[in-house]
C-alpha atoms as a PDB file:
ATOM      1  CA  MET A   1      62.589   0.257  19.190  1.00  0.00           C
ATOM      2  CA  SER A   2      63.277  -1.235  22.612  1.00  0.00           C
ATOM      3  CA  ASP A   3      62.379  -4.753  23.715  1.00  0.00           C
ATOM      4  CA  ASP A   4      62.739  -6.574  27.030  1.00  0.00           C
ATOM      5  CA  ASP A   5      63.486  -9.920  25.365  1.00  0.00           C
ATOM      6  CA  PRO A   6      67.171 -10.094  24.282  1.00  0.00           C
ATOM      7  CA  LEU A   7      66.432 -12.934  21.843  1.00  0.00           C
ATOM      8  CA  ARG A   8      63.636 -11.003  20.166  1.00  0.00           C
ATOM      9  CA  THR A   9      65.873  -7.934  19.959  1.00  0.00           C
ATOM     10  CA  ALA A  10      68.655  -9.964  18.370  1.00  0.00           C
ATOM     11  CA  ALA A  11      66.204 -11.416  15.831  1.00  0.00           C
ATOM     12  CA  MET A  12      64.848  -7.926  15.151  1.00  0.00           C
ATOM     13  CA  LEU A  13      68.375  -6.721  14.355  1.00  0.00           C
ATOM     14  CA  GLY A  14      69.316  -9.769  12.293  1.00  0.00           C
ATOM     15  CA  ALA A  15      72.147 -10.596  14.699  1.00  0.00           C
ATOM     16  CA  ALA A  16      72.468 -14.295  13.883  1.00  0.00           C
ATOM     17  CA  ASP A  17      75.557 -14.858  16.040  1.00  0.00           C
ATOM     18  CA  GLU A  18      73.808 -13.339  19.051  1.00  0.00           C
ATOM     19  CA  VAL A  19      70.682 -15.403  18.393  1.00  0.00           C
ATOM     20  CA  GLY A  20      72.843 -18.529  18.362  1.00  0.00           C
ATOM     21  CA  ARG A  21      74.629 -17.521  21.552  1.00  0.00           C
ATOM     22  CA  LEU A  22      71.409 -16.813  23.410  1.00  0.00           C
ATOM     23  CA  LEU A  23      69.817 -20.075  22.311  1.00  0.00           C
ATOM     24  CA  ALA A  24      72.916 -22.012  23.332  1.00  0.00           C
ATOM     25  CA  ALA A  25      72.744 -20.301  26.731  1.00  0.00           C
ATOM     26  CA  GLY A  26      69.182 -21.554  27.233  1.00  0.00           C
ATOM     27  CA  ALA A  27      67.019 -18.706  25.939  1.00  0.00           C
ATOM     28  CA  ARG A  28      63.461 -19.798  25.191  1.00  0.00           C
ATOM     29  CA  PRO A  29      62.662 -19.498  21.463  1.00  0.00           C
ATOM     30  CA  ASP A  30      59.040 -18.741  22.351  1.00  0.00           C
ATOM     31  CA  PRO A  31      58.432 -16.254  25.189  1.00  0.00           C
ATOM     32  CA  PRO A  32      55.408 -16.926  27.425  1.00  0.00           C
ATOM     33  CA  ALA A  33      53.499 -13.944  26.006  1.00  0.00           C
ATOM     34  CA  GLY A  34      53.741 -10.990  23.644  1.00  0.00           C
ATOM     35  CA  GLY A  35      55.922 -10.651  20.574  1.00  0.00           C
ATOM     36  CA  THR A  36      58.001 -13.544  19.307  1.00  0.00           C
ATOM     37  CA  PRO A  37      61.554 -13.673  17.930  1.00  0.00           C
ATOM     38  CA  LEU A  38      60.326 -15.854  15.052  1.00  0.00           C
ATOM     39  CA  TYR A  39      57.969 -13.147  13.818  1.00  0.00           C
ATOM     40  CA  GLN A  40      60.807 -10.618  13.793  1.00  0.00           C
ATOM     41  CA  ALA A  41      63.064 -12.943  11.815  1.00  0.00           C
ATOM     42  CA  ALA A  42      60.248 -13.772   9.377  1.00  0.00           C
ATOM     43  CA  VAL A  43      59.246 -10.182   8.674  1.00  0.00           C
ATOM     44  CA  ARG A  44      62.918  -9.368   7.982  1.00  0.00           C
ATOM     45  CA  GLY A  45      63.218 -12.371   5.689  1.00  0.00           C
ATOM     46  CA  ASP A  46      66.190 -13.607   7.693  1.00  0.00           C
ATOM     47  CA  THR A  47      66.033 -17.248   6.667  1.00  0.00           C
ATOM     48  CA  ALA A  48      69.080 -18.303   8.674  1.00  0.00           C
ATOM     49  CA  VAL A  49      67.645 -16.917  11.921  1.00  0.00           C
ATOM     50  CA  VAL A  50      64.208 -18.342  11.118  1.00  0.00           C
ATOM     51  CA  ARG A  51      65.748 -21.795  10.756  1.00  0.00           C
ATOM     52  CA  MET A  52      67.790 -21.389  13.958  1.00  0.00           C
ATOM     53  CA  LEU A  53      64.696 -20.513  15.966  1.00  0.00           C
ATOM     54  CA  LEU A  54      62.654 -23.317  14.445  1.00  0.00           C
ATOM     55  CA  ALA A  55      65.429 -25.830  15.158  1.00  0.00           C
ATOM     56  CA  ALA A  56      65.411 -24.635  18.786  1.00  0.00           C
ATOM     57  CA  GLY A  57      61.689 -25.370  19.065  1.00  0.00           C
ATOM     58  CA  ALA A  58      59.928 -22.134  18.068  1.00  0.00           C
ATOM     59  CA  ASP A  59      56.305 -22.800  17.096  1.00  0.00           C
ATOM     60  CA  PRO A  60      55.829 -21.876  13.399  1.00  0.00           C
ATOM     61  CA  GLY A  61      52.092 -21.446  13.956  1.00  0.00           C
ATOM     62  CA  ARG A  62      52.210 -19.171  16.969  1.00  0.00           C
ATOM     63  CA  GLU A  63      50.873 -15.657  16.442  1.00  0.00           C
ATOM     64  CA  SER A  64      53.010 -12.801  17.717  1.00  0.00           C
ATOM     65  CA  THR A  65      50.737 -10.597  19.805  1.00  0.00           C
ATOM     66  CA  ALA A  66      52.845  -7.451  19.938  1.00  0.00           C
ATOM     67  CA  ASP A  67      51.153  -4.398  18.419  1.00  0.00           C
ATOM     68  CA  GLY A  68      50.784  -4.702  14.646  1.00  0.00           C
ATOM     69  CA  GLU A  69      52.242  -8.207  14.446  1.00  0.00           C
ATOM     70  CA  GLY A  70      50.742 -11.606  13.691  1.00  0.00           C
ATOM     71  CA  LEU A  71      51.712 -14.936  12.164  1.00  0.00           C
ATOM     72  CA  PRO A  72      55.303 -15.354  10.999  1.00  0.00           C
ATOM     73  CA  LEU A  73      54.189 -17.093   7.794  1.00  0.00           C
ATOM     74  CA  CYS A  74      51.867 -14.203   6.930  1.00  0.00           C
ATOM     75  CA  ALA A  75      54.645 -11.678   7.583  1.00  0.00           C
ATOM     76  CA  ALA A  76      57.123 -13.501   5.367  1.00  0.00           C
ATOM     77  CA  ALA A  77      54.510 -13.984   2.641  1.00  0.00           C
ATOM     78  CA  CYS A  78      53.453 -10.337   2.681  1.00  0.00           C
ATOM     79  CA  TRP A  79      57.008  -9.149   2.044  1.00  0.00           C
ATOM     80  CA  GLY A  80      57.870 -11.858  -0.465  1.00  0.00           C
ATOM     81  CA  HIS A  81      60.546 -13.555   1.654  1.00  0.00           C
ATOM     82  CA  LEU A  82      60.513 -16.910  -0.112  1.00  0.00           C
ATOM     83  CA  GLY A  83      63.317 -18.488   1.924  1.00  0.00           C
ATOM     84  CA  ALA A  84      61.581 -17.738   5.201  1.00  0.00           C
ATOM     85  CA  VAL A  85      58.247 -18.963   3.815  1.00  0.00           C
ATOM     86  CA  VAL A  86      59.785 -22.276   2.745  1.00  0.00           C
ATOM     87  CA  ALA A  87      61.529 -22.692   6.110  1.00  0.00           C
ATOM     88  CA  LEU A  88      58.272 -22.134   7.979  1.00  0.00           C
ATOM     89  CA  LEU A  89      56.327 -24.491   5.725  1.00  0.00           C
ATOM     90  CA  ASP A  90      59.044 -27.133   6.117  1.00  0.00           C
ATOM     91  CA  ALA A  91      58.636 -26.795   9.893  1.00  0.00           C
ATOM     92  CA  GLY A  92      54.910 -27.459   9.670  1.00  0.00           C
ATOM     93  CA  ALA A  93      53.370 -23.988   9.417  1.00  0.00           C
ATOM     94  CA  ASP A  94      49.751 -24.298   8.234  1.00  0.00           C
ATOM     95  CA  PRO A  95      49.376 -22.289   4.998  1.00  0.00           C
ATOM     96  CA  ASP A  96      45.631 -21.912   5.644  1.00  0.00           C
ATOM     97  CA  LEU A  97      45.862 -20.626   9.216  1.00  0.00           C
ATOM     98  CA  PRO A  98      44.094 -17.237   9.368  1.00  0.00           C
ATOM     99  CA  GLU A  99      45.894 -14.354  10.997  1.00  0.00           C
ATOM    100  CA  ASP A 100      44.153 -12.640  13.907  1.00  0.00           C
ATOM    101  CA  PRO A 101      40.845 -14.535  13.841  1.00  0.00           C
ATOM    102  CA  GLY A 102      39.103 -11.539  15.438  1.00  0.00           C
ATOM    103  CA  GLY A 103      40.406  -9.158  12.790  1.00  0.00           C
ATOM    104  CA  SER A 104      41.281  -9.587   9.128  1.00  0.00           C
ATOM    105  CA  ALA A 105      41.327 -13.417   9.079  1.00  0.00           C
ATOM    106  CA  MET A 106      43.746 -13.210   6.156  1.00  0.00           C
ATOM    107  CA  THR A 107      45.918 -16.211   5.386  1.00  0.00           C
ATOM    108  CA  ALA A 108      49.469 -16.182   4.050  1.00  0.00           C
ATOM    109  CA  LEU A 109      48.053 -16.692   0.546  1.00  0.00           C
ATOM    110  CA  HIS A 110      45.825 -13.628   0.891  1.00  0.00           C
ATOM    111  CA  TRP A 111      48.833 -11.531   1.941  1.00  0.00           C
ATOM    112  CA  ALA A 112      51.031 -12.840  -0.869  1.00  0.00           C
ATOM    113  CA  CYS A 113      48.359 -12.177  -3.503  1.00  0.00           C
ATOM    114  CA  ALA A 114      47.580  -8.717  -2.151  1.00  0.00           C
ATOM    115  CA  ASN A 115      51.249  -7.804  -2.571  1.00  0.00           C
ATOM    116  CA  ASP A 116      51.961  -9.538  -5.906  1.00  0.00           C
ATOM    117  CA  ARG A 117      54.446 -12.107  -4.520  1.00  0.00           C
ATOM    118  CA  LEU A 118      54.263 -14.712  -7.268  1.00  0.00           C
ATOM    119  CA  ALA A 119      57.060 -17.009  -6.044  1.00  0.00           C
ATOM    120  CA  VAL A 120      55.536 -17.137  -2.572  1.00  0.00           C
ATOM    121  CA  VAL A 121      52.083 -17.770  -4.022  1.00  0.00           C
ATOM    122  CA  ALA A 122      53.492 -20.714  -5.979  1.00  0.00           C
ATOM    123  CA  ALA A 123      55.197 -22.124  -2.865  1.00  0.00           C
ATOM    124  CA  LEU A 124      52.020 -21.847  -0.790  1.00  0.00           C
ATOM    125  CA  LEU A 125      49.866 -23.447  -3.484  1.00  0.00           C
ATOM    126  CA  ALA A 126      52.399 -26.273  -3.831  1.00  0.00           C
ATOM    127  CA  GLN A 127      51.976 -26.907  -0.102  1.00  0.00           C
ATOM    128  CA  GLY A 128      48.208 -27.173  -0.490  1.00  0.00           C
ATOM    129  CA  ALA A 129      47.068 -23.656   0.378  1.00  0.00           C
ATOM    130  CA  ASP A 130      43.349 -23.316  -0.365  1.00  0.00           C
ATOM    131  CA  PRO A 131      42.723 -20.514  -2.907  1.00  0.00           C
ATOM    132  CA  GLY A 132      39.022 -20.487  -2.044  1.00  0.00           C
ATOM    133  CA  LEU A 133      39.270 -19.348   1.577  1.00  0.00           C
ATOM    134  CA  ARG A 134      37.655 -15.997   2.392  1.00  0.00           C
ATOM    135  CA  ASP A 135      38.971 -13.391   4.785  1.00  0.00           C
ATOM    136  CA  ARG A 136      36.841 -11.372   7.199  1.00  0.00           C
ATOM    137  CA  SER A 137      35.774  -8.981   4.428  1.00  0.00           C
ATOM    138  CA  GLY A 138      34.660 -11.861   2.202  1.00  0.00           C
ATOM    139  CA  GLY A 139      37.621 -11.521  -0.128  1.00  0.00           C
ATOM    140  CA  THR A 140      39.522 -14.445  -1.612  1.00  0.00           C
ATOM    141  CA  ALA A 141      43.102 -14.718  -2.787  1.00  0.00           C
ATOM    142  CA  LEU A 142      41.805 -14.096  -6.302  1.00  0.00           C
ATOM    143  CA  THR A 143      39.989 -10.883  -5.367  1.00  0.00           C
ATOM    144  CA  ARG A 144      43.215  -9.663  -3.731  1.00  0.00           C
ATOM    145  CA  ALA A 145      45.187 -10.383  -6.897  1.00  0.00           C
ATOM    146  CA  ALA A 146      42.517  -8.782  -9.087  1.00  0.00           C
ATOM    147  CA  GLU A 147      42.464  -5.536  -7.108  1.00  0.00           C
ATOM    148  CA  ARG A 148      46.248  -5.469  -7.228  1.00  0.00           C
ATOM    149  CA  GLY A 149      46.396  -6.020 -10.976  1.00  0.00           C
ATOM    150  CA  ALA A 150      48.659  -9.050 -10.484  1.00  0.00           C
ATOM    151  CA  ALA A 151      47.880 -11.020 -13.636  1.00  0.00           C
ATOM    152  CA  ALA A 152      50.519 -13.746 -13.185  1.00  0.00           C
ATOM    153  CA  VAL A 153      49.294 -14.355  -9.637  1.00  0.00           C
ATOM    154  CA  ALA A 154      45.681 -14.568 -10.837  1.00  0.00           C
ATOM    155  CA  ALA A 155      46.704 -17.075 -13.511  1.00  0.00           C
ATOM    156  CA  ALA A 156      48.508 -19.205 -10.897  1.00  0.00           C
ATOM    157  CA  LEU A 157      45.430 -19.223  -8.677  1.00  0.00           C
ATOM    158  CA  LEU A 158      43.106 -20.181 -11.517  1.00  0.00           C
ATOM    159  CA  GLY A 159      45.544 -22.927 -12.498  1.00  0.00           C
ATOM    160  CA  HIS A 160      45.224 -24.337  -8.966  1.00  0.00           C
ATOM    161  CA  GLY A 161      41.452 -24.460  -9.008  1.00  0.00           C
ATOM    162  CA  ALA A 162      40.455 -21.013  -7.758  1.00  0.00           C
ATOM    163  CA  ALA A 163      36.835 -20.252  -8.646  1.00  0.00           C
ATOM    164  CA  PRO A 164      36.442 -17.277 -11.026  1.00  0.00           C
ATOM    165  CA  ASP A 165      34.904 -15.075  -8.349  1.00  0.00           C
ATOM    166  CA  PRO A 166      32.485 -12.419  -9.748  1.00  0.00           C
ATOM    167  CA  ARG A 167      33.818  -9.967  -7.159  1.00  0.00           C
ATOM    168  CA  ALA A 168      37.308 -10.429  -8.587  1.00  0.00           C
ATOM    169  CA  LEU A 169      35.979  -9.738 -12.074  1.00  0.00           C
ATOM    170  CA  ASP A 170      34.256  -6.570 -10.876  1.00  0.00           C
ATOM    171  CA  LEU A 171      37.480  -5.334  -9.282  1.00  0.00           C
ATOM    172  CA  ALA A 172      39.562  -6.084 -12.352  1.00  0.00           C
ATOM    173  CA  ARG A 173      37.027  -4.352 -14.609  1.00  0.00           C
ATOM    174  CA  ARG A 174      36.975  -1.315 -12.326  1.00  0.00           C
ATOM    175  CA  TYR A 175      40.689  -0.703 -12.824  1.00  0.00           C
ATOM    176  CA  ALA A 176      41.106  -1.925 -16.410  1.00  0.00           C
ATOM    177  CA  GLY A 177      41.902   1.095 -18.534  1.00  0.00           C
ATOM    178  CA  HIS A 178      42.331   3.190 -15.383  1.00  0.00           C
ATOM    179  CA  ASP A 179      45.212   5.641 -14.995  1.00  0.00           C
ATOM    180  CA  ILE A 180      47.197   3.501 -12.557  1.00  0.00           C
ATOM    181  CA  GLU A 181      49.850   6.162 -12.018  1.00  0.00           C
ATOM    182  CA  ALA A 182      47.202   8.645 -10.914  1.00  0.00           C
ATOM    183  CA  GLU A 183      45.642   6.000  -8.681  1.00  0.00           C
ATOM    184  CA  VAL A 184      48.856   5.173  -6.828  1.00  0.00           C
ATOM    185  CA  ARG A 185      49.669   8.872  -6.466  1.00  0.00           C
ATOM    186  CA  THR A 186      46.274   9.440  -4.880  1.00  0.00           C
ATOM    187  CA  ARG A 187      46.632   6.491  -2.524  1.00  0.00           C
ATOM    188  CA  ALA A 188      50.149   7.471  -1.520  1.00  0.00           C
ATOM    189  CA  GLY A 189      49.063  11.027  -0.818  1.00  0.00           C
ATOM    190  CA  GLU A 190      46.181  10.079   1.481  1.00  0.00           C
ATOM    191  CA  HIS A 191      48.460   9.594   4.488  1.00  0.00           C
ATOM    192  CA  ALA A 192      51.551  11.496   3.386  1.00  0.00           C
ATOM    193  CA  PRO A 193      52.889  14.402   5.478  1.00  0.00           C
ATOM    194  CA  ARG A 194      52.129  17.858   4.130  1.00  0.00           C
ATOM    195  CA  ASP A 195      55.724  18.522   3.050  1.00  0.00           C
ATOM    196  CA  ALA A 196      56.200  15.107   1.443  1.00  0.00           C
ATOM    197  CA  ARG A 197      57.183  14.599  -2.161  1.00  0.00           C
ATOM    198  CA  ILE A 198      55.648  11.801  -4.198  1.00  0.00           C
ATOM    199  CA  GLY A 199      57.558  10.259  -7.072  1.00  0.00           C
ATOM    200  CA  VAL A 200      56.465   7.436  -9.352  1.00  0.00           C
ATOM    201  CA  ARG A 201      58.523   4.692 -10.918  1.00  0.00           C
ATOM    202  CA  ARG A 202      57.719   1.628 -13.004  1.00  0.00           C
ATOM    203  CA  GLU A 203      59.306  -1.756 -12.470  1.00  0.00           C
ATOM    204  CA  GLU A 204      58.929  -5.297 -13.713  1.00  0.00           C
ATOM    205  CA  ALA A 205      56.706  -7.457 -11.551  1.00  0.00           C
ATOM    206  CA  GLU A 206      57.360 -11.103 -10.756  1.00  0.00           C
ATOM    207  CA  GLY A 207      56.212 -13.221 -13.671  1.00  0.00           C
ATOM    208  CA  GLY A 208      56.348 -10.261 -16.052  1.00  0.00           C
ATOM    209  CA  GLY A 209      54.043  -7.289 -16.326  1.00  0.00           C
ATOM    210  CA  VAL A 210      54.565  -3.822 -14.940  1.00  0.00           C
ATOM    211  CA  ARG A 211      54.175  -2.559 -11.397  1.00  0.00           C
ATOM    212  CA  VAL A 212      53.686   1.181 -10.772  1.00  0.00           C
ATOM    213  CA  VAL A 213      55.169   2.361  -7.487  1.00  0.00           C
ATOM    214  CA  ALA A 214      54.566   5.723  -5.775  1.00  0.00           C
ATOM    215  CA  GLU A 215      57.308   6.690  -3.304  1.00  0.00           C
ATOM    216  CA  VAL A 216      56.621   9.127  -0.469  1.00  0.00           C
ATOM    217  CA  ARG A 217      59.743  11.000   0.639  1.00  0.00           C
ATOM    218  CA  ASP A 218      60.065  13.603   3.344  1.00  0.00           C
ATOM    219  CA  ALA A 219      61.618  17.036   2.901  1.00  0.00           C
ATOM    220  CA  ALA A 220      65.083  15.539   3.459  1.00  0.00           C
ATOM    221  CA  GLY A 221      64.524  12.978   0.717  1.00  0.00           C
ATOM    222  CA  ARG A 222      64.143  10.004   3.037  1.00  0.00           C
ATOM    223  CA  LEU A 223      61.785   7.251   1.870  1.00  0.00           C
ATOM    224  CA  ARG A 224      58.753   7.041   4.166  1.00  0.00           C
ATOM    225  CA  SER A 225      56.374   4.709   2.366  1.00  0.00           C
ATOM    226  CA  GLU A 226      55.553   3.080  -0.937  1.00  0.00           C
ATOM    227  CA  THR A 227      52.248   2.331  -2.635  1.00  0.00           C
ATOM    228  CA  SER A 228      52.047   0.127  -5.699  1.00  0.00           C
ATOM    229  CA  LEU A 229      49.640  -1.459  -8.145  1.00  0.00           C
ATOM    230  CA  GLY A 230      50.133  -3.733 -11.113  1.00  0.00           C
ATOM    231  CA  THR A 231      48.857  -2.928 -14.576  1.00  0.00           C
ATOM    232  CA  GLY A 232      47.427  -6.354 -15.362  1.00  0.00           C
ATOM    233  CA  HIS A 233      43.753  -5.640 -14.683  1.00  0.00           C
ATOM    234  CA  ALA A 234      42.655  -5.991 -18.309  1.00  0.00           C
ATOM    235  CA  GLU A 235      44.528  -9.295 -18.589  1.00  0.00           C
ATOM    236  CA  ILE A 236      42.805 -10.519 -15.427  1.00  0.00           C
ATOM    237  CA  VAL A 237      39.417  -9.651 -16.944  1.00  0.00           C
ATOM    238  CA  ARG A 238      40.293 -11.786 -19.973  1.00  0.00           C
ATOM    239  CA  LEU A 239      41.527 -14.646 -17.763  1.00  0.00           C
ATOM    240  CA  LEU A 240      38.375 -14.647 -15.663  1.00  0.00           C
ATOM    241  CA  GLU A 241      36.075 -14.446 -18.660  1.00  0.00           C
ATOM    242  CA  ARG A 242      37.871 -17.409 -20.251  1.00  0.00           C
ATOM    243  CA  HIS A 243      37.336 -19.347 -17.022  1.00  0.00           C
ATOM    244  CA  GLY A 244      33.629 -18.583 -17.012  1.00  0.00           C
ATOM    245  CA  GLY A 245      33.779 -15.769 -14.499  1.00  0.00           C
ATOM    246  CA  GLY A 246      31.421 -13.455 -16.316  1.00  0.00           C
ATOM    247  CA  LYS A 247      30.447 -11.999 -19.682  1.00  0.00           C
ATOM    248  CA  PRO A 248      32.621  -9.432 -21.457  1.00  0.00           C
ATOM    249  CA  SER A 249      31.609  -5.873 -20.696  1.00  0.00           C
ATOM    250  CA  VAL A 250      29.813  -4.093 -23.536  1.00  0.00           C
ATOM    251  CA  GLY A 251      32.123  -1.475 -25.025  1.00  0.00           C
END
């Protein structure tokens, strides 16, 4: 991937020494337009480079407008890069700032919940992130966690005052008792190349529980994408019902 901004390229490659050299030579931490070095460092989870750019004056709340990019806090939260998230919050990043107001309007908390990043969720909530905000589709952080089957994340949200959203309960009920392995296989296969191979593994999720991951590999065995879901949907149903989110389903 080529880039006309040497500082952004260095951040993209995780070249901390080069980032430091360019900043010392007078490189602007925020270019006048387009993609930002801070976004690249955040999406990589390169905490050292994130802190270098912030110390040089990079705006933690500026959205990177290159194709497919957005807010650095949302990028770090999505991928579970706790160090980068904390650095951005320490620099004044607004945890409730929506990404791409004309598009998804998802906040960092939405992204963290949608990807079962419990430690990041806890950090955002500790900094006052509002669990009740809705994205463009009307979803909340809790509905994202419920669809994902992230029971520990749902419990953290409820513990910080999230309303037991009926939509979240419906989502959790939909997948409770579902064959999650078959579901992730189906999702992974929707956009997989014809000659791809799909394998499934199980791993421990943050905060306990099991995450089922479908890996898409090409004919040469190279990893192309992953799709995952937690298996905590039934536990989320119980949590929401205990918090007054709905009546137990008959049968």
